[in-house]
Structures are given as structure tokens and as C-alpha cells.
Amino acid sequence: MNLKRLIYPTLAALVVGATSGHHIESDRIVESIQNAKSVEMAQDTNSYYANKAREEFSWGKEVREDLFLSYILPFKSTEEPYEKGSRKILYEMVSPVVAGITDISEAATKINRWASTQVRFIGDLGNEYNRLHGKFLEEGLSDEELERAEIVGEKLEKWNKFTSENDKKWGDIDLSISQMLEVGYGRCEEQSTFAILSMRAVSIPTRMVYIPWWVGKEGDSISNNHAWIEAWFEESWNYADGSAISEFNQNSITSKKRNMGKVYAVKSSQKGRRSKIDVTERYVQTGEIEVTLLREGDVVTNYDVSLLGWNDGGWKKLEGRKTNESGTVTFVAGAEGPEYRVMVEGMQSEKIDLKIGDHRKVSLEIAS
């Protein structure tokens, strides 16, 4: 038994505050994805399985072409490393989950529940480690607890190893599908990615939704950000928390809307390009902040202006836009609680206590 994982608690500290059933996966699944990366496929497996699922599942035949091209065919959600062959693996894993189901909303709900048992929240694993570590120091652990501590420690080490390697290779710490399956844990973004790609594998249009930061009033103790999923059925986008076993349109996301400043959905292309869609008004009532930028009394056009929100003891960027030909830019933001500032070249405005329906005007003078 390697007790060093109980003596040095830093592993858990790295993940307890990290952001954006059972879990038994065979080594064959992980190896199949990894091997596919080095094997020259005779066919484009992504397109092949996307179209196969579209024909096989009853709801797939009803999906509009634009939804198929943007929210099913691209088999990359946000920043996770792309793995050739992962769509085939997830198609084979998820198909039995929805066997016999003909209603797309029922299928999406069942997959979201299933996905949350395959990739759990890494912060919970860190909390479990800290609990076991504390008990080990105070009174010792039973053989069963020691065995569990070893498993937890191994998973934390592996998660940290993967995130470090991915950051060096790709400039981002998101885990790939095979890494998620191997560890069985991830941040909210990785949990959402797994749910999204699992639904896309069986022809359900799905996308990532996120907030850059939770925001509040200056001085509030608020931190972190969040990501969740939206699936298209019944002619609309429906939200669910990919990081929890939840129903669509009935979870804790909207209960936190007073701390939502900006909300974005991610649209993908088959070539890996991504764009963000502002969906703030779908989640929270809003107000507007119109900024006019001046230099020696003249308006300044095509100039960068940032909207800031309060998070983790400081003002964080929520959105950046350029002034128009009139020297103005208008931000639409959640108005059910947060305060904002706007910033140009490091110069911040006074606090703006935005109320629902407000159209606040701010002028900033920049140096010559």
C-alpha cells in the first residue's frame, strides 16, 4: 500500500476547487480510442457514424440540416483534444442506453443521466481524498478505507498528469474522451463535453453553454465559472446540468441566474472552427450599458472596450467588443444582481449597478 498519497494532500488541493451509480469501463474501450489515432482509417469514421446514427435512430431523420451540420456532425465540443475513432466508440457505448426509445427528449434525458455516472465531478474526488487524509492523520483508516484511498490517490495523480500533458501539447487542460473514461472524473466542462458527444453520437443536436464567470457585487464572496449543455428537441433548446444527474429545464442552473452576467453557447463546424452565440437573455433578465469612447472630445471608432464583472476578489472580463462608427458600443448583461465596470486600456469606469430594463450610458475619455 502506497501511503504517500495520504501523507501529502497536495494532489487533492489541485482539484477540489477546479472548474468548468458506478463507473466501470474496460481497458478495451480506452485502448480502442487510443489505437484509432495511429491507424489510417479506410473511411472517415466521424462522418460515417454521424450519418449511420442519423438513419438508425427515428429522431435523427427529423433533424434539420443546419442543426445536423453544427451540433451533430462536429465531434469536438470545445477545447478537448480530438481523437479519431472516439465517435465510433461512443456510438457503441450509447446505442444500448437508448435501445427501444423513440422519443428524442426521453433519449436525451436518459443519456444525460448515464453520462453523469461515467464522468463524475473531480472536485468530489478531491473532497473524498481530503476526508480520508484527515481521518488517516487523526485516527487511522480501516483496510477498506486504505484501499479506497489508494484508488482515489491514483485517479487524482492520473487526472493531474493528463491535464499537465494536455496543457503542454495543446495549451489547454481539458481531457480527451479516452482520458475522461480512464479517470472517470472531470471538471464541469469535461462532464458537459462527455454528455454532448454522447448525445451527438446518436444524432441528438447538443451544444455547450457557459458563463465566463459567476458575477456579483463588489466585495461579494463569489468565484469560479460553469458550463452545461443544451439539447435540441421539441423545436427549442433545452438546458441541463451535465455535471449532475438532472432533468432538462429543471435544475440548479437558473437558481443562480442572479449571478449570471453573460451566457454563451458554442457553435462548431466540421473543420474544428468554433463561434460563440450570446444567449444571455434566454437565462436572465437583462439591461444595457452603452459606452461612448472619446479622445479630446472626438468619438473613437473601432476601439476595444471590455465589460467587467466582480469575481474572486477582482474585476474579470466578461466580454470584449469594438466601438462602432459612432464611437459607441452596447453591452447586454444580466441585471438581476451583479455590478459591472467597463474598461479601456486599463482604465475602468465607475461601478454600474445595472437594473432590469436599464439603458445606462457611460462616456470614457482616453489619452491622446
Protein backbone atom coordinates (compact mmCIF):
# COMPACT_ATOMS: atom_id res chain seq x y z
CA MET A 1 0.00 0.00 0.00
CA ASN A 2 1.46 3.35 -1.07
CA LEU A 3 0.67 5.63 1.86
CA LYS A 4 2.43 8.67 0.39
CA ARG A 5 -0.89 9.71 -1.14
CA LEU A 6 -2.30 10.04 2.37
CA ILE A 7 0.70 11.87 3.76
CA TYR A 8 0.87 14.53 1.05
CA PRO A 9 -2.56 16.09 0.46
CA THR A 10 -1.47 18.48 -2.32
CA LEU A 11 -2.94 16.26 -5.02
CA ALA A 12 -6.45 16.92 -3.84
CA ALA A 13 -5.79 20.60 -3.30
CA LEU A 14 -5.14 20.97 -7.02
CA VAL A 15 -8.60 19.79 -7.94
CA VAL A 16 -11.03 20.45 -5.08
CA GLY A 17 -11.85 23.92 -6.40
CA ALA A 18 -11.44 23.08 -10.07
CA THR A 19 -13.98 24.31 -12.60
CA SER A 20 -15.71 24.19 -15.70
CA GLY A 21 -24.18 5.00 -9.87
CA HIS A 22 -20.95 3.33 -10.94
CA HIS A 23 -18.12 3.75 -13.36
CA ILE A 24 -16.72 0.55 -14.79
CA GLU A 25 -15.09 0.82 -18.22
CA SER A 26 -12.94 -1.91 -19.71
CA ASP A 27 -9.39 -1.25 -20.88
CA ARG A 28 -10.54 -2.29 -24.35
CA ILE A 29 -12.64 0.87 -24.72
CA VAL A 30 -9.79 3.22 -23.85
CA GLU A 31 -7.28 1.27 -25.97
CA SER A 32 -9.63 1.27 -28.96
CA ILE A 33 -9.79 5.06 -28.97
CA GLN A 34 -6.05 5.44 -28.50
CA ASN A 35 -5.19 2.91 -31.19
CA ALA A 36 -7.53 4.59 -33.66
CA LYS A 37 -5.36 7.71 -33.52
CA SER A 38 -2.45 5.87 -35.15
CA VAL A 39 -4.39 3.72 -37.62
CA GLU A 40 -5.15 5.02 -41.10
CA MET A 41 -8.91 4.57 -41.42
CA ALA A 42 -10.33 3.40 -44.75
CA GLN A 43 -13.23 5.77 -44.23
CA ASP A 44 -13.97 8.99 -42.37
CA THR A 45 -15.31 7.40 -39.19
CA ASN A 46 -16.78 10.65 -37.88
CA SER A 47 -18.94 11.32 -40.96
CA TYR A 48 -19.75 7.65 -41.39
CA TYR A 49 -21.07 7.17 -37.86
CA ALA A 50 -22.80 10.54 -37.83
CA ASN A 51 -24.83 9.55 -40.88
CA LYS A 52 -25.29 5.97 -39.67
CA ALA A 53 -26.85 7.21 -36.43
CA ARG A 54 -28.97 9.72 -38.34
CA GLU A 55 -30.54 6.88 -40.31
CA GLU A 56 -30.72 4.40 -37.46
CA PHE A 57 -32.49 6.45 -34.79
CA SER A 58 -36.01 7.64 -35.54
CA TRP A 59 -35.42 11.20 -34.34
CA GLY A 60 -32.28 11.52 -36.46
CA LYS A 61 -34.30 11.55 -39.66
CA GLU A 62 -36.24 14.58 -38.39
CA VAL A 63 -33.21 16.73 -37.50
CA ARG A 64 -32.85 19.84 -39.67
CA GLU A 65 -29.77 20.02 -41.85
CA ASP A 66 -28.41 23.17 -40.17
CA LEU A 67 -28.66 21.52 -36.75
CA PHE A 68 -27.01 18.38 -38.06
CA LEU A 69 -24.07 20.31 -39.54
CA SER A 70 -23.42 22.47 -36.46
CA TYR A 71 -24.48 20.36 -33.48
CA ILE A 72 -24.18 16.70 -34.50
CA LEU A 73 -21.55 16.26 -37.21
CA PRO A 74 -18.72 18.17 -35.41
CA PHE A 75 -17.30 15.69 -32.92
CA LYS A 76 -15.46 18.23 -30.82
CA SER A 77 -17.25 20.23 -28.17
CA THR A 78 -14.81 22.95 -27.06
CA GLU A 79 -11.17 22.59 -26.07
CA GLU A 80 -10.81 18.83 -25.62
CA PRO A 81 -8.19 17.09 -27.81
CA TYR A 82 -9.83 15.44 -30.82
CA GLU A 83 -9.40 11.67 -31.06
CA LYS A 84 -10.13 9.90 -34.32
CA GLY A 85 -12.34 6.92 -33.56
CA SER A 86 -13.97 8.34 -30.43
CA ARG A 87 -17.31 8.81 -32.22
CA LYS A 88 -17.42 5.11 -33.08
CA ILE A 89 -16.66 4.16 -29.50
CA LEU A 90 -19.34 6.45 -28.06
CA TYR A 91 -21.87 5.28 -30.66
CA GLU A 92 -21.25 1.70 -29.49
CA MET A 93 -21.46 2.69 -25.83
CA VAL A 94 -24.55 4.90 -26.05
CA SER A 95 -26.69 2.93 -28.52
CA PRO A 96 -27.64 0.31 -25.89
CA VAL A 97 -28.53 3.10 -23.44
CA VAL A 98 -31.32 4.34 -25.75
CA ALA A 99 -32.33 0.99 -27.20
CA GLY A 100 -36.10 0.84 -27.72
CA ILE A 101 -36.60 4.59 -27.17
CA THR A 102 -38.30 6.53 -29.96
CA ASP A 103 -38.74 9.93 -28.29
CA ILE A 104 -35.74 12.26 -28.58
CA SER A 105 -36.41 14.07 -25.29
CA GLU A 106 -36.57 10.76 -23.42
CA ALA A 107 -33.35 9.65 -25.10
CA ALA A 108 -31.55 12.90 -24.23
CA THR A 109 -32.65 12.67 -20.59
CA LYS A 110 -31.52 9.07 -20.27
CA ILE A 111 -28.13 9.79 -21.86
CA ASN A 112 -27.53 12.78 -19.59
CA ARG A 113 -28.21 10.65 -16.53
CA TRP A 114 -25.96 7.89 -17.84
CA ALA A 115 -23.15 10.28 -18.78
CA SER A 116 -23.06 11.76 -15.27
CA THR A 117 -22.27 8.28 -13.89
CA GLN A 118 -19.41 7.77 -16.33
CA VAL A 119 -17.59 11.07 -15.75
CA ARG A 120 -18.12 12.42 -12.24
CA PHE A 121 -17.08 15.78 -10.80
CA ILE A 122 -13.35 15.88 -9.97
CA GLY A 123 -13.96 18.21 -7.02
CA ASP A 124 -15.94 15.47 -5.28
CA LEU A 125 -12.96 13.15 -5.63
CA GLY A 126 -10.71 15.79 -4.11
CA ASN A 127 -13.10 16.25 -1.21
CA GLU A 128 -13.15 12.49 -0.62
CA TYR A 129 -9.37 12.43 -0.59
CA ASN A 130 -9.21 15.25 1.96
CA ARG A 131 -11.71 13.45 4.19
CA LEU A 132 -9.68 10.22 4.07
CA HIS A 133 -6.44 12.11 4.59
CA GLY A 134 -7.82 13.89 7.66
CA LYS A 135 -9.10 10.68 9.17
CA PHE A 136 -5.79 8.94 8.45
CA LEU A 137 -3.92 11.59 10.42
CA GLU A 138 -6.37 11.63 13.35
CA GLU A 139 -7.32 8.03 13.93
CA GLY A 140 -6.13 5.86 11.07
CA LEU A 141 -8.09 4.03 8.37
CA SER A 142 -9.55 0.58 8.04
CA ASP A 143 -8.19 -1.76 5.37
CA GLU A 144 -11.18 -0.97 3.20
CA GLU A 145 -10.63 2.77 3.59
CA LEU A 146 -6.93 2.40 2.84
CA GLU A 147 -7.76 0.57 -0.35
CA ARG A 148 -10.21 3.31 -1.34
CA ALA A 149 -7.63 5.99 -0.53
CA GLU A 150 -5.16 4.29 -2.84
CA ILE A 151 -7.70 4.27 -5.69
CA VAL A 152 -8.62 7.91 -5.10
CA GLY A 153 -4.97 8.94 -4.98
CA GLU A 154 -4.20 7.11 -8.22
CA LYS A 155 -7.09 8.78 -10.01
CA LEU A 156 -6.04 12.23 -8.79
CA GLU A 157 -2.46 11.61 -9.90
CA LYS A 158 -3.66 10.46 -13.31
CA TRP A 159 -6.01 13.44 -13.71
CA ASN A 160 -3.20 15.87 -12.86
CA LYS A 161 -0.85 14.04 -15.24
CA PHE A 162 -3.35 14.27 -18.12
CA THR A 163 -4.13 17.94 -17.56
CA SER A 164 -0.44 18.81 -17.39
CA GLU A 165 0.37 16.86 -20.57
CA ASN A 166 -2.56 18.36 -22.48
CA ASP A 167 -1.63 21.87 -21.40
CA LYS A 168 1.88 21.38 -22.77
CA LYS A 169 0.68 19.81 -26.04
CA TRP A 170 -2.45 21.82 -26.80
CA GLY A 171 -2.36 24.83 -24.49
CA ASP A 172 -5.46 23.68 -22.61
CA ILE A 173 -6.05 21.28 -19.74
CA ASP A 174 -9.29 19.67 -20.97
CA LEU A 175 -9.20 15.87 -21.03
CA SER A 176 -9.87 13.85 -24.17
CA ILE A 177 -12.67 11.27 -24.32
CA SER A 178 -10.30 8.37 -23.66
CA GLN A 179 -8.75 10.23 -20.72
CA MET A 180 -12.18 11.01 -19.27
CA LEU A 181 -13.12 7.34 -19.47
CA GLU A 182 -9.84 6.22 -17.96
CA VAL A 183 -10.04 8.57 -14.97
CA GLY A 184 -13.83 8.63 -14.66
CA TYR A 185 -13.77 12.22 -13.43
CA GLY A 186 -13.57 15.74 -14.86
CA ARG A 187 -14.45 19.40 -14.40
CA CYS A 188 -17.91 20.67 -15.36
CA GLU A 189 -16.67 21.43 -18.88
CA GLU A 190 -15.39 17.89 -19.35
CA GLN A 191 -18.56 16.38 -17.91
CA SER A 192 -20.60 18.52 -20.29
CA THR A 193 -18.34 17.59 -23.21
CA PHE A 194 -18.83 13.90 -22.47
CA ALA A 195 -22.63 14.31 -22.33
CA ILE A 196 -22.64 16.41 -25.53
CA LEU A 197 -20.55 13.98 -27.56
CA SER A 198 -22.55 11.03 -26.21
CA MET A 199 -25.76 12.64 -27.49
CA ARG A 200 -24.23 13.65 -30.81
CA ALA A 201 -23.12 10.03 -31.24
CA VAL A 202 -26.80 9.02 -31.52
CA SER A 203 -27.93 12.02 -33.59
CA ILE A 204 -29.21 14.38 -30.89
CA PRO A 205 -28.24 18.04 -31.56
CA THR A 206 -26.36 19.23 -28.48
CA ARG A 207 -24.10 22.15 -27.59
CA MET A 208 -22.04 23.59 -24.75
CA VAL A 209 -23.31 26.63 -22.83
CA TYR A 210 -21.12 28.52 -20.39
CA ILE A 211 -20.63 31.63 -18.32
CA PRO A 212 -17.15 33.22 -18.32
CA TRP A 213 -17.53 33.93 -14.59
CA TRP A 214 -20.20 33.95 -11.92
CA VAL A 215 -20.51 37.63 -11.01
CA GLY A 216 -21.83 39.65 -8.08
CA LYS A 217 -21.46 43.00 -6.37
CA GLU A 218 -18.03 44.32 -5.44
CA GLY A 219 -16.88 42.64 -2.25
CA ASP A 220 -19.13 39.58 -2.67
CA SER A 221 -17.52 36.23 -1.96
CA ILE A 222 -18.10 34.66 -5.36
CA SER A 223 -15.75 32.72 -7.60
CA ASN A 224 -15.49 30.24 -10.42
CA ASN A 225 -17.44 29.76 -13.65
CA HIS A 226 -19.62 27.00 -15.08
CA ALA A 227 -20.54 25.07 -18.21
CA TRP A 228 -23.62 22.99 -19.00
CA ILE A 229 -25.43 21.56 -22.01
CA GLU A 230 -28.36 22.33 -24.27
CA ALA A 231 -30.08 19.70 -26.43
CA TRP A 232 -32.47 20.45 -29.27
CA PHE A 233 -35.87 18.78 -29.12
CA GLU A 234 -39.50 19.88 -29.28
CA GLU A 235 -38.38 22.74 -31.56
CA SER A 236 -36.26 24.51 -28.93
CA TRP A 237 -33.01 24.35 -26.97
CA ASN A 238 -33.39 22.68 -23.57
CA TYR A 239 -30.82 23.04 -20.80
CA ALA A 240 -29.48 20.52 -18.32
CA ASP A 241 -26.51 20.39 -15.99
CA GLY A 242 -24.01 17.93 -17.46
CA SER A 243 -22.20 17.86 -14.12
CA ALA A 244 -25.17 16.40 -12.21
CA ILE A 245 -27.90 13.83 -12.63
CA SER A 246 -30.61 16.26 -13.66
CA GLU A 247 -33.73 16.63 -15.76
CA PHE A 248 -33.91 19.09 -18.63
CA ASN A 249 -35.11 22.59 -17.75
CA GLN A 250 -35.38 21.62 -14.07
CA ASN A 251 -32.09 22.05 -12.27
CA SER A 252 -29.91 24.38 -10.25
CA ILE A 253 -28.61 26.45 -13.16
CA THR A 254 -31.40 29.02 -13.28
CA SER A 255 -31.50 29.25 -9.49
CA LYS A 256 -28.16 31.07 -9.83
CA LYS A 257 -29.30 33.47 -12.53
CA ARG A 258 -28.78 36.49 -10.25
CA ASN A 259 -25.05 35.79 -10.64
CA MET A 260 -25.13 35.46 -14.43
CA GLY A 261 -23.56 38.35 -16.32
CA LYS A 262 -23.00 36.85 -19.76
CA VAL A 263 -24.06 33.44 -21.09
CA TYR A 264 -22.76 31.94 -24.33
CA ALA A 265 -23.50 28.87 -26.43
CA VAL A 266 -20.82 27.26 -28.60
CA LYS A 267 -21.42 26.58 -32.29
CA SER A 268 -19.00 24.25 -34.05
CA SER A 269 -18.03 23.39 -37.60
CA GLN A 270 -16.76 20.12 -39.01
CA LYS A 271 -13.36 21.76 -39.58
CA GLY A 272 -12.98 22.50 -35.89
CA ARG A 273 -13.83 26.18 -36.00
CA ARG A 274 -15.98 27.44 -33.15
CA SER A 275 -18.01 30.57 -32.58
CA LYS A 276 -19.99 31.76 -29.59
CA ILE A 277 -23.62 32.81 -29.56
CA ASP A 278 -24.86 35.24 -26.91
CA VAL A 279 -27.79 33.52 -25.17
CA THR A 280 -27.78 35.68 -22.02
CA GLU A 281 -31.40 36.77 -22.49
CA ARG A 282 -32.55 33.15 -22.54
CA TYR A 283 -31.40 32.70 -18.96
CA VAL A 284 -31.68 36.02 -17.14
CA GLN A 285 -33.43 39.38 -17.38
CA THR A 286 -31.05 41.99 -18.72
CA GLY A 287 -30.16 45.66 -19.00
CA GLU A 288 -27.93 47.57 -21.42
CA ILE A 289 -24.74 49.56 -20.94
CA GLU A 290 -23.96 51.94 -23.80
CA VAL A 291 -20.35 53.14 -23.83
CA THR A 292 -19.14 56.16 -25.80
CA LEU A 293 -15.41 56.45 -26.28
CA LEU A 294 -13.87 59.91 -26.72
CA ARG A 295 -10.44 61.37 -27.36
CA GLU A 296 -10.15 65.15 -26.96
CA GLY A 297 -13.90 65.38 -27.46
CA ASP A 298 -13.98 63.34 -30.70
CA VAL A 299 -15.51 59.88 -30.88
CA VAL A 300 -13.10 56.95 -31.22
CA THR A 301 -14.13 54.18 -33.62
CA ASN A 302 -13.05 50.53 -33.93
CA TYR A 303 -11.54 50.51 -30.44
CA ASP A 304 -11.56 47.68 -27.90
CA VAL A 305 -13.84 48.03 -24.87
CA SER A 306 -14.30 45.36 -22.18
CA LEU A 307 -17.20 44.58 -19.87
CA LEU A 308 -16.04 43.51 -16.40
CA GLY A 309 -17.81 41.63 -13.61
CA TRP A 310 -16.81 41.00 -9.98
CA ASN A 311 -15.39 37.52 -9.33
CA ASP A 312 -12.85 36.07 -6.89
CA GLY A 313 -11.88 39.40 -5.37
CA GLY A 314 -11.37 41.31 -8.61
CA TRP A 315 -12.91 42.58 -11.83
CA LYS A 316 -12.86 39.91 -14.57
CA LYS A 317 -13.51 40.30 -18.28
CA LEU A 318 -16.91 39.03 -19.43
CA GLU A 319 -17.00 40.37 -22.98
CA GLY A 320 -14.93 42.45 -25.35
CA ARG A 321 -16.28 44.47 -28.28
CA LYS A 322 -15.17 47.29 -30.59
CA THR A 323 -16.77 50.69 -30.86
CA ASN A 324 -18.83 51.34 -34.00
CA GLU A 325 -18.62 54.24 -36.46
CA SER A 326 -20.37 56.44 -33.91
CA GLY A 327 -17.76 55.63 -31.26
CA THR A 328 -20.18 53.60 -29.16
CA VAL A 329 -20.62 50.01 -28.11
CA THR A 330 -23.56 48.49 -26.23
CA PHE A 331 -23.29 45.57 -23.82
CA VAL A 332 -26.33 43.49 -22.84
CA ALA A 333 -25.82 41.87 -19.44
CA GLY A 334 -27.67 40.12 -16.65
CA ALA A 335 -29.42 42.63 -14.40
CA GLU A 336 -30.72 40.57 -11.51
CA GLY A 337 -27.90 41.32 -9.07
CA PRO A 338 -24.40 41.99 -10.45
CA GLU A 339 -22.46 45.22 -10.68
CA TYR A 340 -20.26 45.99 -13.67
CA ARG A 341 -17.46 48.21 -14.87
CA VAL A 342 -16.29 48.90 -18.41
CA MET A 343 -12.61 49.18 -19.24
CA VAL A 344 -10.46 50.71 -21.98
CA GLU A 345 -6.65 50.45 -21.97
CA GLY A 346 -6.66 49.50 -18.29
CA MET A 347 -8.85 52.48 -17.35
CA GLN A 348 -12.04 51.42 -15.58
CA SER A 349 -15.32 53.25 -15.26
CA GLU A 350 -17.19 53.72 -12.01
CA LYS A 351 -19.29 50.81 -10.82
CA ILE A 352 -22.55 50.32 -12.72
CA ASP A 353 -25.43 48.87 -10.68
CA LEU A 354 -27.46 47.61 -13.64
CA LYS A 355 -31.21 47.09 -13.17
CA ILE A 356 -33.66 45.13 -15.30
CA GLY A 357 -34.57 47.11 -18.39
CA ASP A 358 -31.93 49.80 -17.78
CA HIS A 359 -30.16 51.55 -20.64
CA ARG A 360 -27.19 53.09 -18.87
CA LYS A 361 -24.86 55.47 -20.71
CA VAL A 362 -21.18 55.77 -19.91
CA SER A 363 -18.56 58.05 -21.52
CA LEU A 364 -14.85 57.35 -21.30
CA GLU A 365 -12.10 59.75 -22.36
CA ILE A 366 -8.85 58.13 -23.46
CA ALA A 367 -5.45 59.72 -23.69
CA SER A 368 -4.18 61.21 -26.94
